[in-house]
């Protein structure tokens, strides 16, 4: 992935997070991973999400 593509993807994810209902209507879902581990919270919140089984 080029730098330009990565920046576009990050901007899209930011917009998706800020406009959740619109993203849902479009069928968009953030399925980001880091070294093969699913990333659930892109806001920087380190609290554990209920039911994800992963401690942050």
C-alpha atoms as a PDB file:
ATOM      1  CA  UNK A   1       0.000   0.000   0.000  1.00  0.00           C
ATOM      2  CA  UNK A   2       1.417   3.390  -0.943  1.00  0.00           C
ATOM      3  CA  UNK A   3       1.626   6.328   1.452  1.00  0.00           C
ATOM      4  CA  UNK A   4      -1.172   8.113  -0.415  1.00  0.00           C
ATOM      5  CA  UNK A   5      -3.461   5.073  -0.134  1.00  0.00           C
ATOM      6  CA  UNK A   6      -2.685   4.716   3.572  1.00  0.00           C
ATOM      7  CA  UNK A   7      -3.478   8.403   4.237  1.00  0.00           C
ATOM      8  CA  UNK A   8      -6.767   8.100   2.311  1.00  0.00           C
ATOM      9  CA  UNK A   9      -7.684   4.999   4.308  1.00  0.00           C
ATOM     10  CA  UNK A  10      -6.946   6.752   7.620  1.00  0.00           C
ATOM     11  CA  UNK A  11      -9.075   9.733   6.606  1.00  0.00           C
ATOM     12  CA  UNK A  12     -11.928   7.447   5.589  1.00  0.00           C
ATOM     13  CA  UNK A  13     -11.756   5.603   8.923  1.00  0.00           C
ATOM     14  CA  UNK A  14     -11.827   8.940  10.791  1.00  0.00           C
ATOM     15  CA  UNK A  15     -14.923  10.000   8.847  1.00  0.00           C
ATOM     16  CA  UNK A  16     -16.568   6.630   9.458  1.00  0.00           C
ATOM     17  CA  UNK A  17     -15.980   6.973  13.210  1.00  0.00           C
ATOM     18  CA  UNK A  18     -17.467  10.469  13.299  1.00  0.00           C
ATOM     19  CA  UNK A  19     -20.516   9.553  11.150  1.00  0.00           C
ATOM     20  CA  UNK A  20     -21.407   6.081  12.395  1.00  0.00           C
ATOM     21  CA  UNK A  21     -25.059   6.002  11.258  1.00  0.00           C
ATOM     22  CA  UNK A  22     -24.230   7.172   7.723  1.00  0.00           C
ATOM     23  CA  UNK A  23     -21.401   4.628   7.480  1.00  0.00           C
ATOM     24  CA  UNK A  24     -23.756   1.894   8.639  1.00  0.00           C
ATOM     25  CA  UNK A  25     -26.331   2.833   5.985  1.00  0.00           C
ATOM     26  CA  UNK A  26     -23.587   2.646   3.335  1.00  0.00           C
ATOM     27  CA  UNK A  27     -22.531  -0.760   4.638  1.00  0.00           C
ATOM     28  CA  UNK A  28     -19.045   0.391   5.686  1.00  0.00           C
ATOM     29  CA  UNK A  29     -17.306  -1.335   8.583  1.00  0.00           C
ATOM     30  CA  UNK A  30     -13.853  -0.763  10.053  1.00  0.00           C
ATOM     31  CA  UNK A  31     -12.091  -4.142  10.040  1.00  0.00           C
ATOM     32  CA  UNK A  32      -8.617  -2.817  10.896  1.00  0.00           C
ATOM     33  CA  UNK A  33      -5.928  -5.159  12.210  1.00  0.00           C
ATOM     34  CA  UNK A  34      -2.495  -4.616  13.721  1.00  0.00           C
ATOM     35  CA  UNK A  35      -0.116  -7.546  13.268  1.00  0.00           C
ATOM     36  CA  UNK A  36      -3.102  -9.815  12.715  1.00  0.00           C
ATOM     37  CA  UNK A  37      -4.992  -8.660  15.838  1.00  0.00           C
ATOM     38  CA  UNK A  38      -8.343  -6.958  15.272  1.00  0.00           C
ATOM     39  CA  UNK A  39      -8.490  -3.297  16.349  1.00  0.00           C
ATOM     40  CA  UNK A  40     -11.883  -2.439  17.805  1.00  0.00           C
ATOM     41  CA  UNK A  41     -11.402   1.083  19.158  1.00  0.00           C
ATOM     42  CA  UNK A  42      -9.657   3.660  16.973  1.00  0.00           C
ATOM     43  CA  UNK A  43     -10.426   6.594  19.288  1.00  0.00           C
ATOM     44  CA  UNK A  44      -7.401   5.881  21.489  1.00  0.00           C
ATOM     45  CA  UNK A  45      -9.581   4.679  24.353  1.00  0.00           C
ATOM     46  CA  UNK A  46      -7.725   1.887  26.147  1.00  0.00           C
ATOM     47  CA  UNK A  47     -10.682   0.584  28.169  1.00  0.00           C
ATOM     48  CA  UNK A  48     -11.651  -3.039  27.572  1.00  0.00           C
ATOM     49  CA  UNK A  49     -14.640  -3.516  25.310  1.00  0.00           C
ATOM     50  CA  UNK A  50     -17.331  -5.822  26.625  1.00  0.00           C
ATOM     51  CA  UNK A  51     -17.232  -9.271  25.076  1.00  0.00           C
ATOM     52  CA  UNK A  52     -14.060  -8.874  23.036  1.00  0.00           C
ATOM     53  CA  UNK A  53     -11.959 -11.053  25.366  1.00  0.00           C
ATOM     54  CA  UNK A  54      -8.920  -8.792  24.997  1.00  0.00           C
ATOM     55  CA  UNK A  55      -7.386  -6.719  27.771  1.00  0.00           C
ATOM     56  CA  UNK A  56      -5.842  -3.414  26.709  1.00  0.00           C
END
